[in-house]
């Protein structure tokens, strides 16, 4: 435990800050999980086009692409606490707008606002990086991932039940959760980044292009950033496109999709909250990344082939396990290669790369669904995940980067 007023570095975040971070990510993903499986049904009230659904998903990601690096760099400049609280509050307002939306324009406004203030996950990851040693960082990020998964359990299940009442009810509940968490944070969240470790990066440099180009100039993480992009691009269209896929192939409605997303959340929690913590000390991040990518590529291809509705559950849960192993592992590998004072800007840059994948991915999925056929987005996703796996394997063979081996004896 820290013995001064500085943030607790040796053992990890203090109990109450960690609790707030976990609650923040959980509540954010509850709201996200409540709304996202239903969003295609909001949009198809105005147009049945999968391309429109994908385009609005791309719009959300475009706002995160612009806002993520700014919020991440701003948290390096003024601290994590104010940025986290701002993001949570903005999310709550966005869900309120969506709940009241009775036109496509208001749906678009809600998506823009939610995307622009959607940097709380990256800032929460930077908070963990502030407060943990490199050896414990993957575990801390795994706990954040577990809260992420728990939100995806509760959110879709709650959204599926509330959607039986009306499409507006899930959004109002999500808004209430986010705004309540803002109040909680005002009292429960201390600052993790001491003033002497803050970096006053000029705000004009906090744009996604500068963040990405700056990160790409660092040879030690360049290939890993490519893997991050391919990994996330492989399933970027899944959340937006899956309700259309399941409806077209098996006739699933909003509640059926919501309960599947809840099952995926269970797998994400077990993977990042239980499996990751036990497997990481034994196999190391590199081997977990390779295994996760292999599972992800295989499950996306199997999803395209699934002939019966029940098969969607084991296949998507396998997909969740693969992603749950790969994403924290590659994030931890990257975070250990930069200085502590740049963690927020790094996470903002990673968020920009993720958002770039989420801009391109839903649009590709929508076009593929409309013009190449119902399973096309998943064949494309499987190919992209396989390319990410190939990139990792080629990097390992050329640079002989060591995996973390189990201790002898």
Protein backbone atom coordinates (compact mmCIF):
# COMPACT_ATOMS: atom_id res chain seq x y z
CA UNK A 1 0.00 0.00 0.00
CA UNK A 2 1.30 3.48 -0.79
CA UNK A 3 2.63 5.42 2.20
CA UNK A 4 2.29 8.88 0.75
CA UNK A 5 -0.25 10.96 -1.09
CA UNK A 6 0.80 9.56 -4.44
CA UNK A 7 -1.19 6.97 -6.31
CA UNK A 8 -0.72 3.36 -5.13
CA UNK A 9 1.83 2.01 -7.60
CA UNK A 10 3.30 -1.21 -6.16
CA UNK A 11 0.24 -3.33 -5.59
CA UNK A 12 -2.43 -1.90 -7.83
CA UNK A 13 -5.26 0.57 -7.42
CA UNK A 14 -6.68 1.16 -3.99
CA UNK A 15 -9.84 -0.69 -3.21
CA UNK A 16 -12.31 2.18 -3.68
CA UNK A 17 -10.78 3.51 -6.95
CA UNK A 18 -10.64 0.01 -8.37
CA UNK A 19 -14.22 -0.55 -7.28
CA UNK A 20 -15.29 2.62 -9.05
CA UNK A 21 -13.39 1.69 -12.20
CA UNK A 22 -15.01 -1.73 -12.24
CA UNK A 23 -18.44 -0.20 -11.60
CA UNK A 24 -17.81 2.43 -14.28
CA UNK A 25 -16.90 -0.10 -16.96
CA UNK A 26 -19.69 -2.41 -15.78
CA UNK A 27 -22.35 0.33 -15.88
CA UNK A 28 -21.08 1.59 -19.22
CA UNK A 29 -21.31 -1.88 -20.72
CA UNK A 30 -24.71 -2.50 -19.11
CA UNK A 31 -25.95 0.58 -20.92
CA UNK A 32 -24.13 -0.42 -24.09
CA UNK A 33 -25.42 -3.99 -23.79
CA UNK A 34 -28.96 -2.76 -23.18
CA UNK A 35 -29.02 -0.56 -26.28
CA UNK A 36 -26.68 -2.02 -28.92
CA UNK A 37 -28.48 -5.35 -29.58
CA UNK A 38 -31.65 -3.30 -30.04
CA UNK A 39 -30.15 -0.48 -32.11
CA UNK A 40 -30.70 -2.23 -35.48
CA UNK A 41 -34.37 -2.49 -34.52
CA UNK A 42 -34.48 1.25 -33.75
CA UNK A 43 -32.95 1.98 -37.14
CA UNK A 44 -34.96 -0.49 -39.21
CA UNK A 45 -38.10 1.43 -38.21
CA UNK A 46 -36.82 4.00 -40.71
CA UNK A 47 -34.95 1.79 -43.21
CA UNK A 48 -34.36 -1.97 -43.58
CA UNK A 49 -30.90 -1.48 -45.10
CA UNK A 50 -28.01 -3.29 -43.41
CA UNK A 51 -25.76 -0.62 -44.90
CA UNK A 52 -27.60 2.10 -42.93
CA UNK A 53 -27.23 0.09 -39.74
CA UNK A 54 -23.54 -0.37 -40.47
CA UNK A 55 -23.09 3.28 -41.42
CA UNK A 56 -24.49 4.48 -38.10
CA UNK A 57 -22.18 2.04 -36.33
CA UNK A 58 -19.35 3.59 -38.35
CA UNK A 59 -20.53 7.07 -37.31
CA UNK A 60 -20.31 6.09 -33.64
CA UNK A 61 -16.79 4.82 -34.20
CA UNK A 62 -15.84 7.95 -36.16
CA UNK A 63 -16.75 10.09 -33.17
CA UNK A 64 -14.62 7.86 -30.95
CA UNK A 65 -11.83 8.05 -33.53
CA UNK A 66 -11.74 11.83 -33.16
CA UNK A 67 -12.53 11.99 -29.44
CA UNK A 68 -10.53 9.04 -28.09
CA UNK A 69 -7.00 10.47 -28.52
CA UNK A 70 -8.16 13.88 -27.29
CA UNK A 71 -9.68 12.38 -24.14
CA UNK A 72 -6.68 10.10 -23.58
CA UNK A 73 -4.18 12.93 -24.03
CA UNK A 74 -6.34 15.26 -21.96
CA UNK A 75 -6.25 12.74 -19.13
CA UNK A 76 -2.42 12.85 -19.32
CA UNK A 77 -2.68 16.62 -19.05
CA UNK A 78 -5.35 17.24 -16.37
CA UNK A 79 -5.73 13.81 -14.75
CA UNK A 80 -7.93 10.75 -15.20
CA UNK A 81 -10.75 11.69 -12.81
CA UNK A 82 -12.32 14.66 -14.65
CA UNK A 83 -12.13 12.88 -17.99
CA UNK A 84 -13.81 9.74 -16.65
CA UNK A 85 -16.63 11.72 -15.04
CA UNK A 86 -17.19 13.76 -18.21
CA UNK A 87 -17.38 10.60 -20.32
CA UNK A 88 -19.89 8.92 -18.02
CA UNK A 89 -22.11 12.00 -17.87
CA UNK A 90 -22.06 12.39 -21.68
CA UNK A 91 -23.06 8.76 -22.11
CA UNK A 92 -26.03 9.25 -19.79
CA UNK A 93 -27.26 12.25 -21.78
CA UNK A 94 -26.85 10.33 -25.06
CA UNK A 95 -29.06 7.50 -23.79
CA UNK A 96 -31.69 10.03 -22.70
CA UNK A 97 -31.76 11.46 -26.22
CA UNK A 98 -32.10 7.95 -27.68
CA UNK A 99 -34.96 7.16 -25.30
CA UNK A 100 -36.87 10.21 -26.49
CA UNK A 101 -35.94 9.76 -30.17
CA UNK A 102 -38.88 9.63 -32.53
CA UNK A 103 -36.96 10.52 -35.70
CA UNK A 104 -33.85 9.17 -37.38
CA UNK A 105 -32.17 12.56 -36.76
CA UNK A 106 -32.47 12.13 -32.99
CA UNK A 107 -31.11 8.59 -33.21
CA UNK A 108 -28.12 9.99 -35.12
CA UNK A 109 -27.67 12.75 -32.50
CA UNK A 110 -27.62 10.18 -29.69
CA UNK A 111 -25.03 8.09 -31.54
CA UNK A 112 -22.82 11.14 -32.17
CA UNK A 113 -22.96 12.25 -28.52
CA UNK A 114 -22.31 8.76 -27.16
CA UNK A 115 -19.38 8.26 -29.51
CA UNK A 116 -17.83 11.63 -28.70
CA UNK A 117 -17.84 10.89 -24.96
CA UNK A 118 -17.00 7.20 -25.28
CA UNK A 119 -13.42 7.39 -23.98
CA UNK A 120 -14.05 6.02 -20.50
CA UNK A 121 -12.69 2.53 -21.24
CA UNK A 122 -9.37 3.88 -22.54
CA UNK A 123 -9.10 6.25 -19.58
CA UNK A 124 -9.94 3.46 -17.15
CA UNK A 125 -7.19 1.34 -18.73
CA UNK A 126 -4.77 4.26 -18.31
CA UNK A 127 -5.83 4.53 -14.65
CA UNK A 128 -4.92 0.87 -14.16
CA UNK A 129 -1.60 1.43 -15.95
CA UNK A 130 -0.88 4.37 -13.59
CA UNK A 131 -1.45 2.21 -10.55
CA UNK A 132 0.08 -1.18 -11.36
CA UNK A 133 3.50 -2.65 -12.03
CA UNK A 134 4.15 -4.13 -15.49
CA UNK A 135 3.92 -7.64 -14.03
CA UNK A 136 0.43 -6.99 -12.63
CA UNK A 137 -0.85 -4.91 -15.51
CA UNK A 138 -2.38 -7.75 -17.54
CA UNK A 139 -4.26 -8.88 -14.43
CA UNK A 140 -5.57 -5.35 -13.83
CA UNK A 141 -6.63 -5.03 -17.44
CA UNK A 142 -8.22 -8.47 -17.15
CA UNK A 143 -10.36 -7.25 -14.21
CA UNK A 144 -11.47 -4.32 -16.34
CA UNK A 145 -12.30 -6.85 -19.05
CA UNK A 146 -14.27 -8.92 -16.55
CA UNK A 147 -16.35 -5.87 -15.60
CA UNK A 148 -16.79 -5.30 -19.33
CA UNK A 149 -18.10 -8.84 -19.69
CA UNK A 150 -20.36 -8.62 -16.65
CA UNK A 151 -21.97 -5.55 -18.19
CA UNK A 152 -22.51 -7.52 -21.38
CA UNK A 153 -24.26 -10.21 -19.34
CA UNK A 154 -26.61 -7.93 -17.46
CA UNK A 155 -27.15 -5.38 -20.23
CA UNK A 156 -28.55 -7.53 -23.03
CA UNK A 157 -30.66 -9.62 -20.64
CA UNK A 158 -32.12 -6.46 -19.11
CA UNK A 159 -32.54 -4.88 -22.52
CA UNK A 160 -34.32 -7.97 -23.85
CA UNK A 161 -36.80 -7.87 -20.98
CA UNK A 162 -37.34 -4.12 -21.21
CA UNK A 163 -37.81 -4.28 -24.99
CA UNK A 164 -40.95 -6.33 -24.38
CA UNK A 165 -42.38 -3.14 -22.89
CA UNK A 166 -41.04 -0.63 -25.44
CA UNK A 167 -37.90 0.18 -27.40
CA UNK A 168 -37.52 3.41 -25.41
CA UNK A 169 -37.48 1.79 -21.97
CA UNK A 170 -34.00 0.20 -22.29
CA UNK A 171 -32.46 3.55 -23.21
CA UNK A 172 -34.03 5.32 -20.23
CA UNK A 173 -32.75 2.66 -17.83
CA UNK A 174 -29.26 2.91 -19.37
CA UNK A 175 -29.37 6.70 -18.92
CA UNK A 176 -30.35 6.37 -15.27
CA UNK A 177 -27.45 3.97 -14.62
CA UNK A 178 -24.87 6.23 -16.26
CA UNK A 179 -26.04 9.40 -14.53
CA UNK A 180 -26.17 7.63 -11.16
CA UNK A 181 -22.61 6.43 -11.69
CA UNK A 182 -21.53 10.01 -12.39
CA UNK A 183 -22.77 11.01 -8.94
CA UNK A 184 -21.05 7.97 -7.41
CA UNK A 185 -17.77 8.99 -9.04
CA UNK A 186 -17.91 12.50 -7.62
CA UNK A 187 -17.52 10.97 -4.16
CA UNK A 188 -15.65 7.68 -4.75
CA UNK A 189 -12.93 8.41 -7.30
CA UNK A 190 -9.55 9.92 -6.38
CA UNK A 191 -7.00 11.00 -8.97
CA UNK A 192 -4.46 8.35 -10.06
CA UNK A 193 -2.00 10.57 -11.94
CA UNK A 194 0.12 12.86 -9.71
CA UNK A 195 0.81 16.36 -11.02
CA UNK A 196 4.53 15.67 -11.39
CA UNK A 197 3.81 12.80 -13.83
CA UNK A 198 1.43 14.75 -16.06
CA UNK A 199 2.39 15.68 -19.61
CA UNK A 200 1.19 18.95 -21.13
CA UNK A 201 0.89 17.80 -24.70
CA UNK A 202 -0.40 20.62 -26.96
CA UNK A 203 -4.07 20.03 -27.60
CA UNK A 204 -3.62 20.49 -31.35
CA UNK A 205 -1.43 17.37 -31.35
CA UNK A 206 -4.17 15.34 -29.67
CA UNK A 207 -5.82 14.21 -32.89
CA UNK A 208 -6.17 10.61 -34.06
CA UNK A 209 -3.86 10.97 -37.05
CA UNK A 210 -1.03 12.39 -34.92
CA UNK A 211 -1.60 9.74 -32.25
CA UNK A 212 -1.54 6.86 -34.73
CA UNK A 213 1.41 8.19 -36.74
CA UNK A 214 3.36 8.85 -33.54
CA UNK A 215 2.70 5.33 -32.30
CA UNK A 216 3.67 3.82 -35.65
CA UNK A 217 7.05 5.55 -35.44
CA UNK A 218 7.86 3.44 -32.37
CA UNK A 219 9.38 0.20 -33.79
CA UNK A 220 8.76 -1.76 -30.62
CA UNK A 221 4.97 -1.61 -30.92
CA UNK A 222 4.36 -1.08 -34.64
CA UNK A 223 3.52 -4.70 -35.47
CA UNK A 224 1.39 -5.05 -32.34
CA UNK A 225 -0.65 -2.02 -33.39
CA UNK A 226 -1.28 -3.70 -36.76
CA UNK A 227 -2.46 -6.78 -34.87
CA UNK A 228 -4.77 -4.59 -32.77
CA UNK A 229 -6.28 -3.18 -35.96
CA UNK A 230 -6.77 -6.53 -37.71
CA UNK A 231 -8.05 -8.19 -34.54
CA UNK A 232 -10.73 -5.59 -33.97
CA UNK A 233 -11.57 -5.22 -37.65
CA UNK A 234 -12.28 -8.97 -37.79
CA UNK A 235 -15.38 -8.62 -35.60
CA UNK A 236 -16.02 -4.87 -35.86
CA UNK A 237 -19.30 -5.40 -37.70
CA UNK A 238 -20.50 -8.26 -35.51
CA UNK A 239 -22.40 -6.24 -32.89
CA UNK A 240 -24.24 -4.12 -35.44
CA UNK A 241 -24.72 -6.84 -38.02
CA UNK A 242 -25.47 -9.89 -35.88
CA UNK A 243 -29.13 -9.02 -35.12
CA UNK A 244 -29.71 -8.69 -38.88
CA UNK A 245 -27.86 -11.97 -39.51
CA UNK A 246 -29.81 -13.92 -36.88
CA UNK A 247 -33.11 -12.41 -38.00
CA UNK A 248 -32.49 -13.18 -41.67
CA UNK A 249 -31.27 -16.74 -41.10
CA UNK A 250 -33.30 -17.86 -38.07
CA UNK A 251 -36.04 -15.25 -37.57
CA UNK A 252 -34.71 -14.03 -34.20
CA UNK A 253 -36.27 -10.92 -32.66
CA UNK A 254 -34.77 -8.27 -30.35
CA UNK A 255 -35.16 -10.30 -27.15
CA UNK A 256 -33.62 -13.46 -28.64
CA UNK A 257 -30.59 -11.47 -29.76
CA UNK A 258 -30.30 -9.79 -26.37
CA UNK A 259 -30.16 -13.10 -24.52
CA UNK A 260 -27.44 -14.40 -26.86
CA UNK A 261 -25.37 -11.29 -26.11
CA UNK A 262 -25.87 -12.03 -22.41
CA UNK A 263 -24.46 -15.54 -22.92
CA UNK A 264 -21.48 -14.04 -24.73
CA UNK A 265 -20.98 -11.77 -21.73
CA UNK A 266 -20.85 -14.79 -19.41
CA UNK A 267 -18.04 -16.24 -21.49
CA UNK A 268 -16.21 -12.91 -21.51
CA UNK A 269 -16.37 -12.73 -17.70
CA UNK A 270 -15.13 -16.28 -17.21
CA UNK A 271 -12.34 -15.69 -19.71
CA UNK A 272 -11.05 -12.33 -18.48
CA UNK A 273 -12.00 -12.66 -14.82
CA UNK A 274 -10.95 -16.28 -14.24
CA UNK A 275 -9.05 -17.87 -17.13
CA UNK A 276 -6.80 -14.94 -17.99
CA UNK A 277 -5.50 -14.50 -14.45
CA UNK A 278 -4.61 -18.21 -14.23
CA UNK A 279 -3.27 -18.69 -17.74
CA UNK A 280 -1.18 -15.51 -18.04
CA UNK A 281 1.50 -16.45 -15.48
CA UNK A 282 1.84 -19.90 -17.10
CA UNK A 283 1.77 -19.11 -20.81
CA UNK A 284 2.50 -15.37 -21.03
CA UNK A 285 0.80 -12.73 -23.15
CA UNK A 286 2.31 -13.81 -26.47
CA UNK A 287 1.01 -17.38 -26.37
CA UNK A 288 -2.39 -16.24 -25.11
CA UNK A 289 -2.54 -13.80 -28.00
CA UNK A 290 -1.77 -16.54 -30.52
CA UNK A 291 -4.33 -18.92 -29.02
CA UNK A 292 -6.99 -16.24 -28.80
CA UNK A 293 -6.55 -15.24 -32.43
CA UNK A 294 -6.78 -18.87 -33.56
CA UNK A 295 -10.06 -19.33 -31.68
CA UNK A 296 -11.40 -16.07 -33.06
CA UNK A 297 -10.64 -16.94 -36.68
CA UNK A 298 -12.15 -20.42 -36.39
CA UNK A 299 -15.33 -19.27 -34.63
CA UNK A 300 -16.05 -16.51 -37.16
CA UNK A 301 -15.86 -19.04 -40.00
CA UNK A 302 -18.06 -21.49 -38.09
CA UNK A 303 -20.58 -18.72 -37.50
CA UNK A 304 -20.92 -18.23 -41.25
CA UNK A 305 -21.58 -21.97 -41.65
CA UNK A 306 -24.02 -22.47 -38.74
CA UNK A 307 -27.13 -24.22 -40.14
CA UNK A 308 -29.19 -24.27 -36.92
CA UNK A 309 -30.02 -21.55 -34.41
CA UNK A 310 -28.75 -23.41 -31.32
CA UNK A 311 -25.28 -23.52 -32.82
CA UNK A 312 -24.98 -19.75 -32.49
CA UNK A 313 -24.52 -20.11 -28.72
CA UNK A 314 -21.40 -22.34 -28.62
CA UNK A 315 -19.83 -20.61 -31.61
CA UNK A 316 -20.27 -17.04 -30.34
CA UNK A 317 -19.14 -18.09 -26.86
CA UNK A 318 -15.97 -19.55 -28.38
CA UNK A 319 -15.52 -16.27 -30.21
CA UNK A 320 -15.84 -14.43 -26.88
CA UNK A 321 -13.17 -16.64 -25.32
CA UNK A 322 -10.79 -15.96 -28.20
CA UNK A 323 -11.32 -12.21 -28.06
CA UNK A 324 -11.13 -12.27 -24.25
CA UNK A 325 -7.68 -13.84 -24.40
CA UNK A 326 -6.32 -11.83 -27.31
CA UNK A 327 -7.39 -8.26 -26.52
CA UNK A 328 -5.99 -7.88 -22.96
CA UNK A 329 -2.84 -9.75 -23.97
CA UNK A 330 -1.98 -7.48 -26.89
CA UNK A 331 -2.92 -4.38 -24.86
CA UNK A 332 -0.66 -5.46 -22.00
CA UNK A 333 2.20 -6.20 -24.40
CA UNK A 334 1.94 -2.70 -25.84
CA UNK A 335 1.53 -0.89 -22.51
CA UNK A 336 4.76 -2.32 -21.08
CA UNK A 337 6.77 -0.76 -23.91
CA UNK A 338 6.09 2.93 -23.16
CA UNK A 339 6.78 5.19 -20.19
CA UNK A 340 4.25 5.59 -17.39
CA UNK A 341 3.57 9.24 -18.15
CA UNK A 342 2.41 8.44 -21.69
CA UNK A 343 -0.04 5.66 -20.83
CA UNK A 344 -3.10 7.87 -21.32
CA UNK A 345 -1.94 9.12 -24.70
CA UNK A 346 -0.98 5.56 -25.70
CA UNK A 347 -4.39 4.22 -24.72
CA UNK A 348 -5.95 7.13 -26.60
CA UNK A 349 -3.92 6.16 -29.65
CA UNK A 350 -5.01 2.53 -29.29
CA UNK A 351 -8.59 3.78 -28.96
CA UNK A 352 -8.12 5.66 -32.24
CA UNK A 353 -6.96 2.47 -33.93
CA UNK A 354 -9.91 0.56 -32.47
CA UNK A 355 -12.26 3.29 -33.66
CA UNK A 356 -10.70 3.22 -37.13
CA UNK A 357 -11.46 -0.50 -37.25
CA UNK A 358 -14.99 0.22 -36.03
CA UNK A 359 -15.44 2.88 -38.74
CA UNK A 360 -14.44 0.55 -41.55
CA UNK A 361 -15.81 -2.72 -40.13
CA UNK A 362 -19.56 -2.01 -39.85
CA UNK A 363 -19.64 -0.42 -43.30
CA UNK A 364 -17.87 -3.46 -44.79
CA UNK A 365 -20.27 -5.78 -42.96
CA UNK A 366 -23.30 -3.84 -44.17
CA UNK A 367 -22.14 -3.85 -47.77
CA UNK A 368 -21.19 -7.53 -47.63
CA UNK A 369 -24.53 -8.45 -46.06
CA UNK A 370 -26.56 -6.49 -48.63
CA UNK A 371 -24.60 -7.45 -51.75
CA UNK A 372 -22.62 -10.66 -51.06
CA UNK A 373 -25.02 -12.58 -48.85
CA UNK A 374 -25.98 -13.12 -45.22
CA UNK A 375 -22.84 -15.04 -44.11
CA UNK A 376 -20.34 -12.87 -46.01
CA UNK A 377 -19.39 -10.55 -43.09
CA UNK A 378 -18.29 -13.56 -41.02
CA UNK A 379 -16.15 -15.11 -43.76
CA UNK A 380 -14.43 -11.74 -44.11
CA UNK A 381 -13.98 -11.52 -40.33
CA UNK A 382 -12.43 -14.98 -40.18
CA UNK A 383 -9.95 -14.03 -42.89
CA UNK A 384 -8.95 -10.84 -41.05
CA UNK A 385 -8.44 -12.70 -37.77
CA UNK A 386 -6.29 -15.24 -39.61
CA UNK A 387 -4.20 -12.37 -41.02
CA UNK A 388 -3.71 -11.01 -37.49
CA UNK A 389 -2.57 -14.46 -36.37
CA UNK A 390 -0.19 -14.73 -39.30
CA UNK A 391 1.25 -11.31 -38.47
CA UNK A 392 1.99 -12.39 -34.90
CA UNK A 393 3.57 -15.67 -36.00
CA UNK A 394 5.78 -13.96 -38.59
CA UNK A 395 6.87 -11.39 -36.03
CA UNK A 396 7.78 -14.12 -33.54
CA UNK A 397 9.74 -16.10 -36.13
CA UNK A 398 11.64 -13.07 -37.43
CA UNK A 399 12.39 -11.31 -34.15
CA UNK A 400 12.28 -14.33 -31.83
CA UNK A 401 10.39 -12.33 -29.26
CA UNK A 402 10.22 -14.53 -26.13
CA UNK A 403 6.97 -15.56 -24.58
CA UNK A 404 6.75 -15.47 -20.79
CA UNK A 405 7.66 -18.98 -19.71
CA UNK A 406 6.43 -20.71 -16.56
CA UNK A 407 8.84 -20.58 -13.61
CA UNK A 408 11.07 -23.62 -13.19
CA UNK A 409 10.45 -25.96 -10.29
